[in-house]
């Protein structure tokens, strides 16, 4: 078994057992999943060092909860609280009557 294959197996095993061993593959995928809803497969491929069928099989079989779907050119991550849009709510402190008074003074 090559060194790279052993590293992949170690990363997969660590992820499956939910240990906190920081492996490059899982760390990279976790950051992507927290940041994006979907990303180009080429970008993920560059990050983890896998490509083609190796990448597809790794993503579909070994990343439950992170990857929702692997498409031809994109990786779609599972929804989480970090990669969802959120609306910033502002509180208005100036009411319409005050604004009308200011606008009338400016117009004069």
PDB file of N, CA and C in Angstrom:
ATOM      1  N   UNK A   1       0.848  -1.178   0.000  1.00  0.00           N
ATOM      2  CA  UNK A   1       0.000   0.000   0.000  1.00  0.00           C
ATOM      3  C   UNK A   1       0.894   1.241   0.000  1.00  0.00           C
ATOM      4  N   UNK A   2       0.599   2.181  -0.882  1.00  0.00           N
ATOM      5  CA  UNK A   2       1.386   3.405  -0.966  1.00  0.00           C
ATOM      6  C   UNK A   2       1.080   4.322   0.205  1.00  0.00           C
ATOM      7  N   UNK A   3       2.014   5.245   0.447  1.00  0.00           N
ATOM      8  CA  UNK A   3       1.864   6.176   1.570  1.00  0.00           C
ATOM      9  C   UNK A   3       0.587   7.002   1.441  1.00  0.00           C
ATOM     10  N   UNK A   4       0.281   7.488   0.237  1.00  0.00           N
ATOM     11  CA  UNK A   4      -0.908   8.300   0.029  1.00  0.00           C
ATOM     12  C   UNK A   4      -2.180   7.502   0.334  1.00  0.00           C
ATOM     13  N   UNK A   5      -2.183   6.238  -0.062  1.00  0.00           N
ATOM     14  CA  UNK A   5      -3.344   5.389   0.215  1.00  0.00           C
ATOM     15  C   UNK A   5      -3.526   5.195   1.715  1.00  0.00           C
ATOM     16  N   UNK A   6      -2.438   5.031   2.435  1.00  0.00           N
ATOM     17  CA  UNK A   6      -2.529   4.895   3.889  1.00  0.00           C
ATOM     18  C   UNK A   6      -3.064   6.171   4.512  1.00  0.00           C
ATOM     19  N   UNK A   7      -2.639   7.338   3.992  1.00  0.00           N
ATOM     20  CA  UNK A   7      -3.143   8.614   4.511  1.00  0.00           C
ATOM     21  C   UNK A   7      -4.640   8.745   4.281  1.00  0.00           C
ATOM     22  N   UNK A   8      -5.105   8.345   3.098  1.00  0.00           N
ATOM     23  CA  UNK A   8      -6.534   8.403   2.797  1.00  0.00           C
ATOM     24  C   UNK A   8      -7.297   7.482   3.735  1.00  0.00           C
ATOM     25  N   UNK A   9      -6.789   6.267   3.921  1.00  0.00           N
ATOM     26  CA  UNK A   9      -7.463   5.321   4.819  1.00  0.00           C
ATOM     27  C   UNK A   9      -7.506   5.856   6.249  1.00  0.00           C
ATOM     28  N   UNK A  10      -6.421   6.489   6.695  1.00  0.00           N
ATOM     29  CA  UNK A  10      -6.384   7.060   8.038  1.00  0.00           C
ATOM     30  C   UNK A  10      -7.401   8.177   8.166  1.00  0.00           C
ATOM     31  N   UNK A  11      -7.490   9.035   7.142  1.00  0.00           N
ATOM     32  CA  UNK A  11      -8.448  10.141   7.182  1.00  0.00           C
ATOM     33  C   UNK A  11      -9.878   9.628   7.203  1.00  0.00           C
ATOM     34  N   UNK A  12     -10.146   8.631   6.393  1.00  0.00           N
ATOM     35  CA  UNK A  12     -11.491   8.068   6.335  1.00  0.00           C
ATOM     36  C   UNK A  12     -11.847   7.412   7.668  1.00  0.00           C
ATOM     37  N   UNK A  13     -10.923   6.651   8.219  1.00  0.00           N
ATOM     38  CA  UNK A  13     -11.188   5.992   9.491  1.00  0.00           C
ATOM     39  C   UNK A  13     -11.415   7.014  10.597  1.00  0.00           C
ATOM     40  N   UNK A  14     -10.619   8.071  10.618  1.00  0.00           N
ATOM     41  CA  UNK A  14     -10.787   9.110  11.638  1.00  0.00           C
ATOM     42  C   UNK A  14     -12.137   9.779  11.502  1.00  0.00           C
ATOM     43  N   UNK A  15     -12.575  10.012  10.291  1.00  0.00           N
ATOM     44  CA  UNK A  15     -13.874  10.660  10.085  1.00  0.00           C
ATOM     45  C   UNK A  15     -15.008   9.725  10.489  1.00  0.00           C
ATOM     46  N   UNK A  16     -14.897   8.467  10.141  1.00  0.00           N
ATOM     47  CA  UNK A  16     -15.956   7.504  10.466  1.00  0.00           C
ATOM     48  C   UNK A  16     -16.119   7.321  11.967  1.00  0.00           C
ATOM     49  N   UNK A  17     -15.024   7.323  12.688  1.00  0.00           N
ATOM     50  CA  UNK A  17     -15.109   7.105  14.132  1.00  0.00           C
ATOM     51  C   UNK A  17     -15.324   8.406  14.886  1.00  0.00           C
ATOM     52  N   UNK A  18     -15.403   9.533  14.159  1.00  0.00           N
ATOM     53  CA  UNK A  18     -15.653  10.850  14.747  1.00  0.00           C
ATOM     54  C   UNK A  18     -14.584  11.245  15.757  1.00  0.00           C
ATOM     55  N   UNK A  19     -13.348  10.805  15.535  1.00  0.00           N
ATOM     56  CA  UNK A  19     -12.262  11.264  16.382  1.00  0.00           C
ATOM     57  C   UNK A  19     -11.860  12.646  15.935  1.00  0.00           C
ATOM     58  N   UNK A  20     -11.120  13.330  16.757  1.00  0.00           N
ATOM     59  CA  UNK A  20     -10.729  14.701  16.444  1.00  0.00           C
ATOM     60  C   UNK A  20      -9.327  14.772  15.864  1.00  0.00           C
ATOM     61  N   UNK A  21      -8.948  13.769  15.082  1.00  0.00           N
ATOM     62  CA  UNK A  21      -7.647  13.794  14.417  1.00  0.00           C
ATOM     63  C   UNK A  21      -7.768  14.714  13.211  1.00  0.00           C
ATOM     64  N   UNK A  22      -7.016  15.818  13.178  1.00  0.00           N
ATOM     65  CA  UNK A  22      -7.134  16.749  12.050  1.00  0.00           C
ATOM     66  C   UNK A  22      -6.434  16.211  10.809  1.00  0.00           C
ATOM     67  N   UNK A  23      -7.173  15.641   9.909  1.00  0.00           N
ATOM     68  CA  UNK A  23      -6.607  15.147   8.660  1.00  0.00           C
ATOM     69  C   UNK A  23      -6.845  16.189   7.585  1.00  0.00           C
ATOM     70  N   UNK A  24      -5.900  16.345   6.677  1.00  0.00           N
ATOM     71  CA  UNK A  24      -6.045  17.387   5.652  1.00  0.00           C
ATOM     72  C   UNK A  24      -7.315  17.258   4.816  1.00  0.00           C
ATOM     73  N   UNK A  25      -7.699  16.029   4.478  1.00  0.00           N
ATOM     74  CA  UNK A  25      -8.869  15.838   3.633  1.00  0.00           C
ATOM     75  C   UNK A  25     -10.137  16.324   4.322  1.00  0.00           C
ATOM     76  N   UNK A  26     -10.329  15.881   5.534  1.00  0.00           N
ATOM     77  CA  UNK A  26     -11.542  16.218   6.265  1.00  0.00           C
ATOM     78  C   UNK A  26     -11.558  17.690   6.639  1.00  0.00           C
ATOM     79  N   UNK A  27     -10.420  18.228   7.009  1.00  0.00           N
ATOM     80  CA  UNK A  27     -10.350  19.653   7.356  1.00  0.00           C
ATOM     81  C   UNK A  27     -10.710  20.506   6.144  1.00  0.00           C
ATOM     82  N   UNK A  28     -10.150  20.181   5.004  1.00  0.00           N
ATOM     83  CA  UNK A  28     -10.437  20.943   3.776  1.00  0.00           C
ATOM     84  C   UNK A  28     -11.913  20.837   3.418  1.00  0.00           C
ATOM     85  N   UNK A  29     -12.471  19.637   3.473  1.00  0.00           N
ATOM     86  CA  UNK A  29     -13.882  19.468   3.140  1.00  0.00           C
ATOM     87  C   UNK A  29     -14.792  20.147   4.148  1.00  0.00           C
ATOM     88  N   UNK A  30     -14.425  20.132   5.406  1.00  0.00           N
ATOM     89  CA  UNK A  30     -15.235  20.782   6.435  1.00  0.00           C
ATOM     90  C   UNK A  30     -15.252  22.290   6.240  1.00  0.00           C
ATOM     91  N   UNK A  31     -14.111  22.864   5.890  1.00  0.00           N
ATOM     92  CA  UNK A  31     -14.050  24.308   5.624  1.00  0.00           C
ATOM     93  C   UNK A  31     -14.884  24.652   4.398  1.00  0.00           C
ATOM     94  N   UNK A  32     -14.777  23.844   3.359  1.00  0.00           N
ATOM     95  CA  UNK A  32     -15.589  24.078   2.161  1.00  0.00           C
ATOM     96  C   UNK A  32     -17.081  23.987   2.493  1.00  0.00           C
ATOM     97  N   UNK A  33     -17.461  22.974   3.266  1.00  0.00           N
ATOM     98  CA  UNK A  33     -18.877  22.782   3.599  1.00  0.00           C
ATOM     99  C   UNK A  33     -19.412  23.914   4.457  1.00  0.00           C
ATOM    100  N   UNK A  34     -18.573  24.493   5.289  1.00  0.00           N
ATOM    101  CA  UNK A  34     -19.012  25.607   6.128  1.00  0.00           C
ATOM    102  C   UNK A  34     -19.071  26.915   5.357  1.00  0.00           C
ATOM    103  N   UNK A  35     -18.378  26.972   4.240  1.00  0.00           N
ATOM    104  CA  UNK A  35     -18.294  28.218   3.486  1.00  0.00           C
ATOM    105  C   UNK A  35     -19.217  28.249   2.274  1.00  0.00           C
ATOM    106  N   UNK A  36     -19.342  27.142   1.594  1.00  0.00           N
ATOM    107  CA  UNK A  36     -20.078  27.100   0.330  1.00  0.00           C
ATOM    108  C   UNK A  36     -21.237  26.113   0.383  1.00  0.00           C
ATOM    109  N   UNK A  37     -22.245  26.376  -0.434  1.00  0.00           N
ATOM    110  CA  UNK A  37     -23.297  25.388  -0.668  1.00  0.00           C
ATOM    111  C   UNK A  37     -22.835  24.393  -1.722  1.00  0.00           C
ATOM    112  N   UNK A  38     -22.115  24.894  -2.707  1.00  0.00           N
ATOM    113  CA  UNK A  38     -21.572  24.061  -3.784  1.00  0.00           C
ATOM    114  C   UNK A  38     -20.271  24.677  -4.253  1.00  0.00           C
ATOM    115  N   UNK A  39     -19.388  23.842  -4.755  1.00  0.00           N
ATOM    116  CA  UNK A  39     -18.095  24.312  -5.241  1.00  0.00           C
ATOM    117  C   UNK A  39     -17.683  23.452  -6.432  1.00  0.00           C
ATOM    118  N   UNK A  40     -16.860  24.018  -7.306  1.00  0.00           N
ATOM    119  CA  UNK A  40     -16.377  23.257  -8.453  1.00  0.00           C
ATOM    120  C   UNK A  40     -15.601  22.041  -7.980  1.00  0.00           C
ATOM    121  N   UNK A  41     -15.806  20.943  -8.676  1.00  0.00           N
ATOM    122  CA  UNK A  41     -15.113  19.712  -8.306  1.00  0.00           C
ATOM    123  C   UNK A  41     -13.601  19.862  -8.471  1.00  0.00           C
ATOM    124  N   UNK A  42     -13.175  20.668  -9.435  1.00  0.00           N
ATOM    125  CA  UNK A  42     -11.741  20.883  -9.649  1.00  0.00           C
ATOM    126  C   UNK A  42     -11.100  21.552  -8.430  1.00  0.00           C
ATOM    127  N   UNK A  43     -11.834  22.452  -7.796  1.00  0.00           N
ATOM    128  CA  UNK A  43     -11.325  23.132  -6.603  1.00  0.00           C
ATOM    129  C   UNK A  43     -11.139  22.135  -5.455  1.00  0.00           C
ATOM    130  N   UNK A  44     -12.105  21.270  -5.261  1.00  0.00           N
ATOM    131  CA  UNK A  44     -11.998  20.243  -4.219  1.00  0.00           C
ATOM    132  C   UNK A  44     -10.876  19.278  -4.566  1.00  0.00           C
ATOM    133  N   UNK A  45     -10.767  18.922  -5.830  1.00  0.00           N
ATOM    134  CA  UNK A  45      -9.728  18.005  -6.278  1.00  0.00           C
ATOM    135  C   UNK A  45      -8.340  18.554  -5.980  1.00  0.00           C
ATOM    136  N   UNK A  46      -8.140  19.841  -6.241  1.00  0.00           N
ATOM    137  CA  UNK A  46      -6.845  20.465  -5.944  1.00  0.00           C
ATOM    138  C   UNK A  46      -6.562  20.463  -4.448  1.00  0.00           C
ATOM    139  N   UNK A  47      -7.591  20.668  -3.659  1.00  0.00           N
ATOM    140  CA  UNK A  47      -7.412  20.742  -2.215  1.00  0.00           C
ATOM    141  C   UNK A  47      -7.081  19.413  -1.566  1.00  0.00           C
ATOM    142  N   UNK A  48      -7.716  18.347  -2.010  1.00  0.00           N
ATOM    143  CA  UNK A  48      -7.508  17.047  -1.367  1.00  0.00           C
ATOM    144  C   UNK A  48      -6.523  16.148  -2.105  1.00  0.00           C
ATOM    145  N   UNK A  49      -6.161  16.525  -3.321  1.00  0.00           N
ATOM    146  CA  UNK A  49      -5.174  15.743  -4.049  1.00  0.00           C
ATOM    147  C   UNK A  49      -5.709  14.473  -4.686  1.00  0.00           C
ATOM    148  N   UNK A  50      -7.009  14.384  -4.858  1.00  0.00           N
ATOM    149  CA  UNK A  50      -7.618  13.242  -5.532  1.00  0.00           C
ATOM    150  C   UNK A  50      -8.330  13.745  -6.779  1.00  0.00           C
ATOM    151  N   UNK A  51      -8.507  12.870  -7.764  1.00  0.00           N
ATOM    152  CA  UNK A  51      -9.221  13.299  -8.964  1.00  0.00           C
ATOM    153  C   UNK A  51      -9.986  12.130  -9.556  1.00  0.00           C
ATOM    154  N   UNK A  52     -10.894  12.457 -10.444  1.00  0.00           N
ATOM    155  CA  UNK A  52     -11.650  11.452 -11.176  1.00  0.00           C
ATOM    156  C   UNK A  52     -12.487  10.556 -10.289  1.00  0.00           C
ATOM    157  N   UNK A  53     -12.413   9.268 -10.592  1.00  0.00           N
ATOM    158  CA  UNK A  53     -13.205   8.282  -9.851  1.00  0.00           C
ATOM    159  C   UNK A  53     -12.781   8.176  -8.397  1.00  0.00           C
ATOM    160  N   UNK A  54     -11.487   8.390  -8.119  1.00  0.00           N
ATOM    161  CA  UNK A  54     -11.017   8.370  -6.726  1.00  0.00           C
ATOM    162  C   UNK A  54     -11.732   9.427  -5.900  1.00  0.00           C
ATOM    163  N   UNK A  55     -11.812  10.617  -6.453  1.00  0.00           N
ATOM    164  CA  UNK A  55     -12.473  11.723  -5.750  1.00  0.00           C
ATOM    165  C   UNK A  55     -13.961  11.435  -5.575  1.00  0.00           C
ATOM    166  N   UNK A  56     -14.606  10.979  -6.636  1.00  0.00           N
ATOM    167  CA  UNK A  56     -16.039  10.681  -6.554  1.00  0.00           C
ATOM    168  C   UNK A  56     -16.337   9.628  -5.494  1.00  0.00           C
ATOM    169  N   UNK A  57     -15.573   8.552  -5.499  1.00  0.00           N
ATOM    170  CA  UNK A  57     -15.833   7.487  -4.528  1.00  0.00           C
ATOM    171  C   UNK A  57     -15.515   7.945  -3.113  1.00  0.00           C
ATOM    172  N   UNK A  58     -14.459   8.730  -2.944  1.00  0.00           N
ATOM    173  CA  UNK A  58     -14.122   9.235  -1.612  1.00  0.00           C
ATOM    174  C   UNK A  58     -15.233  10.139  -1.085  1.00  0.00           C
ATOM    175  N   UNK A  59     -15.741  11.034  -1.946  1.00  0.00           N
ATOM    176  CA  UNK A  59     -16.768  11.973  -1.506  1.00  0.00           C
ATOM    177  C   UNK A  59     -18.100  11.293  -1.220  1.00  0.00           C
ATOM    178  N   UNK A  60     -18.468  10.331  -2.024  1.00  0.00           N
ATOM    179  CA  UNK A  60     -19.776   9.699  -1.816  1.00  0.00           C
ATOM    180  C   UNK A  60     -19.763   8.687  -0.674  1.00  0.00           C
ATOM    181  N   UNK A  61     -18.670   7.987  -0.481  1.00  0.00           N
ATOM    182  CA  UNK A  61     -18.646   6.920   0.508  1.00  0.00           C
ATOM    183  C   UNK A  61     -18.153   7.350   1.888  1.00  0.00           C
ATOM    184  N   UNK A  62     -17.337   8.398   1.951  1.00  0.00           N
ATOM    185  CA  UNK A  62     -16.621   8.667   3.195  1.00  0.00           C
ATOM    186  C   UNK A  62     -16.899  10.016   3.824  1.00  0.00           C
ATOM    187  N   UNK A  63     -17.885  10.717   3.341  1.00  0.00           N
ATOM    188  CA  UNK A  63     -18.148  12.040   3.910  1.00  0.00           C
ATOM    189  C   UNK A  63     -19.626  12.221   4.246  1.00  0.00           C
ATOM    190  N   UNK A  64     -20.205  11.334   5.037  1.00  0.00           N
ATOM    191  CA  UNK A  64     -21.618  11.517   5.384  1.00  0.00           C
ATOM    192  C   UNK A  64     -21.790  12.770   6.232  1.00  0.00           C
ATOM    193  N   UNK A  65     -22.808  13.531   5.916  1.00  0.00           N
ATOM    194  CA  UNK A  65     -23.061  14.753   6.658  1.00  0.00           C
ATOM    195  C   UNK A  65     -22.359  15.970   6.095  1.00  0.00           C
ATOM    196  N   UNK A  66     -21.338  15.766   5.272  1.00  0.00           N
ATOM    197  CA  UNK A  66     -20.645  16.901   4.660  1.00  0.00           C
ATOM    198  C   UNK A  66     -21.086  17.106   3.219  1.00  0.00           C
ATOM    199  N   UNK A  67     -21.026  16.041   2.438  1.00  0.00           N
ATOM    200  CA  UNK A  67     -21.342  16.128   1.012  1.00  0.00           C
ATOM    201  C   UNK A  67     -22.729  15.557   0.778  1.00  0.00           C
ATOM    202  N   UNK A  68     -23.591  16.375   0.194  1.00  0.00           N
ATOM    203  CA  UNK A  68     -24.945  15.915  -0.110  1.00  0.00           C
ATOM    204  C   UNK A  68     -24.995  15.187  -1.445  1.00  0.00           C
ATOM    205  N   UNK A  69     -24.245  15.700  -2.432  1.00  0.00           N
ATOM    206  CA  UNK A  69     -24.344  15.147  -3.785  1.00  0.00           C
ATOM    207  C   UNK A  69     -23.081  15.491  -4.560  1.00  0.00           C
ATOM    208  N   UNK A  70     -22.643  14.575  -5.390  1.00  0.00           N
ATOM    209  CA  UNK A  70     -21.502  14.813  -6.270  1.00  0.00           C
ATOM    210  C   UNK A  70     -22.024  14.811  -7.696  1.00  0.00           C
ATOM    211  N   UNK A  71     -21.886  15.939  -8.367  1.00  0.00           N
ATOM    212  CA  UNK A  71     -22.311  16.051  -9.763  1.00  0.00           C
ATOM    213  C   UNK A  71     -21.090  15.950 -10.663  1.00  0.00           C
ATOM    214  N   UNK A  72     -21.310  16.086 -11.965  1.00  0.00           N
ATOM    215  CA  UNK A  72     -20.228  15.956 -12.934  1.00  0.00           C
ATOM    216  C   UNK A  72     -19.134  16.990 -12.689  1.00  0.00           C
ATOM    217  N   UNK A  73     -19.520  18.243 -12.451  1.00  0.00           N
ATOM    218  CA  UNK A  73     -18.524  19.296 -12.293  1.00  0.00           C
ATOM    219  C   UNK A  73     -18.609  20.046 -10.960  1.00  0.00           C
ATOM    220  N   UNK A  74     -19.528  19.636 -10.073  1.00  0.00           N
ATOM    221  CA  UNK A  74     -19.690  20.324  -8.793  1.00  0.00           C
ATOM    222  C   UNK A  74     -19.861  19.342  -7.646  1.00  0.00           C
ATOM    223  N   UNK A  75     -19.480  19.825  -6.483  1.00  0.00           N
ATOM    224  CA  UNK A  75     -19.740  19.095  -5.248  1.00  0.00           C
ATOM    225  C   UNK A  75     -20.729  19.933  -4.453  1.00  0.00           C
ATOM    226  N   UNK A  76     -21.860  19.348  -4.099  1.00  0.00           N
ATOM    227  CA  UNK A  76     -22.891  20.052  -3.343  1.00  0.00           C
ATOM    228  C   UNK A  76     -22.821  19.579  -1.900  1.00  0.00           C
ATOM    229  N   UNK A  77     -22.645  20.530  -0.998  1.00  0.00           N
ATOM    230  CA  UNK A  77     -22.499  20.205   0.409  1.00  0.00           C
ATOM    231  C   UNK A  77     -23.846  20.184   1.105  1.00  0.00           C
ATOM    232  N   UNK A  78     -23.926  19.407   2.152  1.00  0.00           N
ATOM    233  CA  UNK A  78     -25.152  19.320   2.940  1.00  0.00           C
ATOM    234  C   UNK A  78     -25.411  20.662   3.610  1.00  0.00           C
ATOM    235  N   UNK A  79     -26.671  21.068   3.711  1.00  0.00           N
ATOM    236  CA  UNK A  79     -26.977  22.330   4.374  1.00  0.00           C
ATOM    237  C   UNK A  79     -26.568  22.283   5.846  1.00  0.00           C
ATOM    238  N   UNK A  80     -25.987  23.365   6.292  1.00  0.00           N
ATOM    239  CA  UNK A  80     -25.667  23.519   7.704  1.00  0.00           C
ATOM    240  C   UNK A  80     -25.873  24.983   8.071  1.00  0.00           C
ATOM    241  N   UNK A  81     -25.750  25.326   9.320  1.00  0.00           N
ATOM    242  CA  UNK A  81     -26.067  26.692   9.733  1.00  0.00           C
ATOM    243  C   UNK A  81     -25.088  27.714   9.173  1.00  0.00           C
ATOM    244  N   UNK A  82     -23.912  27.278   8.763  1.00  0.00           N
ATOM    245  CA  UNK A  82     -22.907  28.206   8.257  1.00  0.00           C
ATOM    246  C   UNK A  82     -23.058  28.511   6.773  1.00  0.00           C
ATOM    247  N   UNK A  83     -23.519  27.559   5.967  1.00  0.00           N
ATOM    248  CA  UNK A  83     -23.552  27.792   4.525  1.00  0.00           C
ATOM    249  C   UNK A  83     -24.924  28.214   4.003  1.00  0.00           C
ATOM    250  N   UNK A  84     -25.794  28.633   4.897  1.00  0.00           N
ATOM    251  CA  UNK A  84     -27.123  29.090   4.499  1.00  0.00           C
ATOM    252  C   UNK A  84     -27.180  30.618   4.506  1.00  0.00           C
ATOM    253  N   UNK A  85     -27.960  31.188   3.597  1.00  0.00           N
ATOM    254  CA  UNK A  85     -28.091  32.651   3.609  1.00  0.00           C
ATOM    255  C   UNK A  85     -28.826  33.110   4.861  1.00  0.00           C
ATOM    256  N   UNK A  86     -28.470  34.256   5.326  1.00  0.00           N
ATOM    257  CA  UNK A  86     -29.157  34.814   6.484  1.00  0.00           C
ATOM    258  C   UNK A  86     -29.439  36.274   6.213  1.00  0.00           C
ATOM    259  N   UNK A  87     -30.495  36.735   6.798  1.00  0.00           N
ATOM    260  CA  UNK A  87     -30.939  38.107   6.578  1.00  0.00           C
ATOM    261  C   UNK A  87     -30.542  38.923   7.795  1.00  0.00           C
ATOM    262  N   UNK A  88     -29.863  40.007   7.515  1.00  0.00           N
ATOM    263  CA  UNK A  88     -29.483  40.908   8.583  1.00  0.00           C
ATOM    264  C   UNK A  88     -30.646  41.861   8.838  1.00  0.00           C
ATOM    265  N   UNK A  89     -31.086  41.928  10.050  1.00  0.00           N
ATOM    266  CA  UNK A  89     -32.218  42.784  10.390  1.00  0.00           C
ATOM    267  C   UNK A  89     -31.702  44.058  11.048  1.00  0.00           C
ATOM    268  N   UNK A  90     -32.125  45.162  10.490  1.00  0.00           N
ATOM    269  CA  UNK A  90     -31.751  46.465  11.028  1.00  0.00           C
ATOM    270  C   UNK A  90     -32.938  47.063  11.755  1.00  0.00           C
ATOM    271  N   UNK A  91     -32.670  47.744  12.831  1.00  0.00           N
ATOM    272  CA  UNK A  91     -33.723  48.453  13.543  1.00  0.00           C
ATOM    273  C   UNK A  91     -33.678  49.917  13.116  1.00  0.00           C
ATOM    274  N   UNK A  92     -34.803  50.410  12.674  1.00  0.00           N
ATOM    275  CA  UNK A  92     -34.908  51.821  12.323  1.00  0.00           C
ATOM    276  C   UNK A  92     -35.054  52.633  13.593  1.00  0.00           C
ATOM    277  N   UNK A  93     -34.211  53.620  13.731  1.00  0.00           N
ATOM    278  CA  UNK A  93     -34.300  54.485  14.897  1.00  0.00           C
ATOM    279  C   UNK A  93     -34.873  55.850  14.536  1.00  0.00           C
ATOM    280  N   UNK A  94     -35.078  56.080  13.263  1.00  0.00           N
ATOM    281  CA  UNK A  94     -35.636  57.347  12.804  1.00  0.00           C
ATOM    282  C   UNK A  94     -37.003  57.047  12.197  1.00  0.00           C
ATOM    283  N   UNK A  95     -38.014  57.677  12.746  1.00  0.00           N
ATOM    284  CA  UNK A  95     -39.345  57.435  12.207  1.00  0.00           C
ATOM    285  C   UNK A  95     -39.648  58.416  11.075  1.00  0.00           C
ATOM    286  N   UNK A  96     -40.735  58.195  10.398  1.00  0.00           N
ATOM    287  CA  UNK A  96     -41.092  58.980   9.228  1.00  0.00           C
ATOM    288  C   UNK A  96     -41.329  60.450   9.563  1.00  0.00           C
ATOM    289  N   UNK A  97     -41.939  60.735  10.682  1.00  0.00           N
ATOM    290  CA  UNK A  97     -42.213  62.128  11.049  1.00  0.00           C
ATOM    291  C   UNK A  97     -40.920  62.915  11.228  1.00  0.00           C
ATOM    292  N   UNK A  98     -39.929  62.329  11.851  1.00  0.00           N
ATOM    293  CA  UNK A  98     -38.638  63.012  12.004  1.00  0.00           C
ATOM    294  C   UNK A  98     -37.974  63.239  10.656  1.00  0.00           C
ATOM    295  N   UNK A  99     -38.070  62.261   9.769  1.00  0.00           N
ATOM    296  CA  UNK A  99     -37.470  62.400   8.438  1.00  0.00           C
ATOM    297  C   UNK A  99     -38.161  63.500   7.642  1.00  0.00           C
ATOM    298  N   UNK A 100     -39.480  63.608   7.750  1.00  0.00           N
ATOM    299  CA  UNK A 100     -40.194  64.672   7.037  1.00  0.00           C
ATOM    300  C   UNK A 100     -39.756  66.039   7.537  1.00  0.00           C
ATOM    301  N   UNK A 101     -39.577  66.160   8.848  1.00  0.00           N
ATOM    302  CA  UNK A 101     -39.106  67.434   9.400  1.00  0.00           C
ATOM    303  C   UNK A 101     -37.729  67.790   8.869  1.00  0.00           C
ATOM    304  N   UNK A 102     -36.846  66.822   8.815  1.00  0.00           N
ATOM    305  CA  UNK A 102     -35.488  67.076   8.303  1.00  0.00           C
ATOM    306  C   UNK A 102     -35.541  67.430   6.825  1.00  0.00           C
ATOM    307  N   UNK A 103     -36.324  66.713   6.046  1.00  0.00           N
ATOM    308  CA  UNK A 103     -36.421  66.995   4.616  1.00  0.00           C
ATOM    309  C   UNK A 103     -37.009  68.376   4.354  1.00  0.00           C
ATOM    310  N   UNK A 104     -38.023  68.791   5.161  1.00  0.00           N
ATOM    311  CA  UNK A 104     -38.601  70.126   5.004  1.00  0.00           C
ATOM    312  C   UNK A 104     -37.568  71.210   5.300  1.00  0.00           C
ATOM    313  N   UNK A 105     -36.742  71.012   6.308  1.00  0.00           N
ATOM    314  CA  UNK A 105     -35.689  71.996   6.627  1.00  0.00           C
ATOM    315  C   UNK A 105     -34.659  72.067   5.526  1.00  0.00           C
ATOM    316  N   UNK A 106     -34.310  70.938   4.952  1.00  0.00           N
ATOM    317  CA  UNK A 106     -33.348  70.942   3.870  1.00  0.00           C
ATOM    318  C   UNK A 106     -33.905  71.599   2.607  1.00  0.00           C
ATOM    319  N   UNK A 107     -35.203  71.437   2.373  1.00  0.00           N
ATOM    320  CA  UNK A 107     -35.829  72.007   1.181  1.00  0.00           C
ATOM    321  C   UNK A 107     -35.975  73.527   1.288  1.00  0.00           C
ATOM    322  N   UNK A 108     -35.998  74.041   2.494  1.00  0.00           N
ATOM    323  CA  UNK A 108     -36.219  75.492   2.674  1.00  0.00           C
ATOM    324  C   UNK A 108     -34.991  76.303   2.381  1.00  0.00           C
TER     325      UNK A 108
END
